[in-house]
Amino acid sequence: MEQILASRSVSITELKRSPSAIIEQAGEYAVAVLNHNRPAAYLLSASAYDRLLEKIEASSIREAISASRNDPRTSISDDQMFNELDVCITQAAAESTRA
């Protein structure tokens, strides 16, 4: 049997019968949706989903920072980076006004 990674579970039939009640009862916790006693999906509230996405994004940013520390390429100063970004933005703005 597969492990259920939630403290609460409902069957697909229960979810079909009263989805609003299930979502309300879930609160800030995941609910495992079972099909033949096996997890078929996990239901999250919108706020819990938003927090999950924020954690994933923060983790991705941390990984990128960590990877950049091991980058063998020569680093550039903040001023140089912002100057190059300003040039790119100016060029993109000029191109969009021509189109």
Foldseek 3Di string as FASTA:
>chain_A
DDDDPWPAEEEPVVCVVCVPVVQVVCPQTWYFYDDVNHGPDIDGHPVNVVVVVVVVVVVVVVVVVVVVVVDPDDDDDPVVVVVVVVVVVVVVVVVVVVD
